[in-house]
Structures are given as structure tokens and as C-alpha cells.
Amino acid sequence: MPTITFIHQNGTAQTVDAPENWSILQIAQQHNIPGIEGVCGGVMACASCHVVIHPDWAQRVAAADNEKTPEEEDILDLAFDVVPTSRLGCQIKVTNELDGMVVALPGTKHAW
């Protein structure tokens, strides 16, 4: 089973099991990750599942059939603390190829 490491706003890391083909949003909800809400239910109608993909993982995420669409870009325009590797957690399906992926919550002071 793949794992994902979430970096919280206070800088702490939390590594969780990530069932394959679940979205980052679903995984965050299963593990009660604070700051990832999914208010719209994961239908890309809000930005409450905004995460920042570690730059080392950004290309791998896209290569795993998770390309950022123009519609996702439009929704991210509504989010705060958007950076080049910002994504909506509801739009990224986790596969075995993404085992070990690192994502940060918006507002996290990360060193990458």
C-alpha cells in the first residue's frame, strides 16, 4: 500500500497509508488531516482541498495520469498561498508509483 507524508502548518510530518486509487482528499479525510476539508465533496467546485506537492514529486504526479487541467487552475485561483506545485487534493489519485509522496498544507513554512 502506498504512503503519503503530509506536512502540517506547524512543520510536523504525518505519514499515512494511502489506498491505491483514492484521492489525496479521501486519504486526508480518512486520517483526519486538519486543513483539508473537501467542502464540495471532491467535485472540484471549491479549493478547500488545496495541497502543495513537493517539487520532487510534481512531475511524477502528472506522469501518473494526474495532469493539472485548466478547470483546476481556475479553482486554484480562489485559494490562498498558491505556489507552482499547488494542486487540488480531489484531483490526484494515488497509485503505487506515488508511494512516498510528500505534500504540504497551504500556509506551511516549507524549506523546498
Protein backbone atom coordinates (compact mmCIF):
# COMPACT_ATOMS: atom_id res chain seq x y z
CA MET A 1 0.00 0.00 0.00
CA PRO A 2 1.38 3.43 -0.90
CA THR A 3 2.06 6.04 1.78
CA ILE A 4 1.78 9.83 1.72
CA THR A 5 3.51 12.24 4.06
CA PHE A 6 1.51 15.33 4.95
CA ILE A 7 3.48 18.33 6.25
CA HIS A 8 1.33 20.28 8.68
CA GLN A 9 1.43 24.05 9.09
CA ASN A 10 3.47 23.70 12.29
CA GLY A 11 6.12 21.77 10.32
CA THR A 12 5.39 18.32 11.68
CA ALA A 13 5.15 15.40 9.28
CA GLN A 14 2.48 12.72 9.32
CA THR A 15 2.89 9.64 7.15
CA VAL A 16 -0.28 7.67 6.43
CA ASP A 17 -1.30 4.63 4.42
CA ALA A 18 -2.91 5.60 1.14
CA PRO A 19 -5.21 3.06 -0.51
CA GLU A 20 -4.41 2.87 -4.20
CA ASN A 21 -6.74 4.85 -6.49
CA TRP A 22 -8.03 7.02 -3.65
CA SER A 23 -7.63 10.78 -3.98
CA ILE A 24 -5.43 12.79 -1.64
CA LEU A 25 -8.66 14.34 -0.36
CA GLN A 26 -10.17 10.95 0.52
CA ILE A 27 -6.96 9.86 2.22
CA ALA A 28 -6.75 13.10 4.22
CA GLN A 29 -10.36 12.72 5.33
CA GLN A 30 -9.82 9.08 6.34
CA HIS A 31 -6.88 10.13 8.53
CA ASN A 32 -8.47 13.35 9.87
CA ILE A 33 -5.75 15.59 8.41
CA PRO A 34 -6.61 19.11 9.62
CA GLY A 35 -6.79 21.79 6.96
CA ILE A 36 -8.01 19.60 4.09
CA GLU A 37 -11.78 19.82 4.08
CA GLY A 38 -13.27 18.97 0.70
CA VAL A 39 -16.33 21.12 1.31
CA CYS A 40 -17.69 20.43 -2.19
CA GLY A 41 -17.38 16.67 -1.76
CA GLY A 42 -14.47 16.34 -4.16
CA VAL A 43 -16.15 17.59 -7.31
CA MET A 44 -13.65 20.42 -7.97
CA ALA A 45 -16.08 23.20 -7.05
CA CYS A 46 -14.02 24.74 -4.24
CA ALA A 47 -10.39 24.99 -3.14
CA SER A 48 -10.75 23.55 0.36
CA CYS A 49 -8.61 20.51 -0.54
CA HIS A 50 -5.68 22.61 -1.78
CA VAL A 51 -2.30 20.97 -1.13
CA VAL A 52 1.25 21.79 -2.19
CA ILE A 53 3.08 18.93 -3.86
CA HIS A 54 6.77 18.72 -3.00
CA PRO A 55 8.67 19.80 -6.16
CA ASP A 56 10.48 16.44 -6.32
CA TRP A 57 7.08 14.80 -6.79
CA ALA A 58 5.34 17.27 -9.12
CA GLN A 59 6.39 15.63 -12.39
CA ARG A 60 5.72 12.13 -11.04
CA VAL A 61 2.21 13.16 -10.03
CA ALA A 62 1.48 14.47 -13.54
CA ALA A 63 3.05 11.39 -15.13
CA ALA A 64 0.74 9.16 -13.07
CA ASP A 65 -2.24 10.44 -15.07
CA ASN A 66 -2.89 13.39 -12.75
CA GLU A 67 -2.29 16.34 -15.05
CA LYS A 68 -3.48 19.75 -13.89
CA THR A 69 -6.42 20.88 -16.02
CA PRO A 70 -7.43 24.44 -16.89
CA GLU A 71 -10.53 23.93 -14.72
CA GLU A 72 -8.34 23.02 -11.74
CA GLU A 73 -6.22 26.13 -12.38
CA ASP A 74 -9.41 28.23 -12.29
CA ILE A 75 -10.43 26.79 -8.91
CA LEU A 76 -6.91 27.27 -7.52
CA ASP A 77 -7.31 30.98 -8.35
CA LEU A 78 -9.74 31.03 -5.39
CA ALA A 79 -7.22 29.50 -2.95
CA PHE A 80 -4.69 31.20 -0.69
CA ASP A 81 -0.93 30.54 -0.62
CA VAL A 82 -0.91 29.15 -4.16
CA VAL A 83 2.53 28.16 -5.49
CA PRO A 84 3.60 26.50 -8.76
CA THR A 85 3.10 22.99 -7.35
CA SER A 86 -0.31 23.73 -5.80
CA ARG A 87 -2.96 21.17 -6.61
CA LEU A 88 -6.46 20.20 -5.55
CA GLY A 89 -6.29 17.04 -3.49
CA CYS A 90 -9.52 15.77 -5.03
CA GLN A 91 -7.83 15.67 -8.45
CA ILE A 92 -4.87 13.47 -7.56
CA LYS A 93 -5.37 9.72 -7.45
CA VAL A 94 -2.67 7.91 -5.54
CA THR A 95 -1.05 4.91 -7.23
CA ASN A 96 1.85 2.68 -6.31
CA GLU A 97 4.06 4.95 -8.44
CA LEU A 98 3.36 7.75 -5.96
CA ASP A 99 4.36 5.76 -2.88
CA GLY A 100 6.20 8.09 -0.52
CA MET A 101 4.82 11.33 -1.99
CA VAL A 102 5.15 14.42 0.19
CA VAL A 103 2.51 17.17 0.29
CA ALA A 104 2.23 20.26 2.46
CA LEU A 105 -0.85 22.05 3.68
CA PRO A 106 -1.30 25.63 2.48
CA GLY A 107 0.38 28.11 4.79
CA THR A 108 3.10 25.64 5.79
CA LYS A 109 6.56 27.11 6.02
CA HIS A 110 8.41 24.51 3.99
CA ALA A 111 12.06 24.53 3.02
CA TRP A 112 11.64 23.48 -0.56
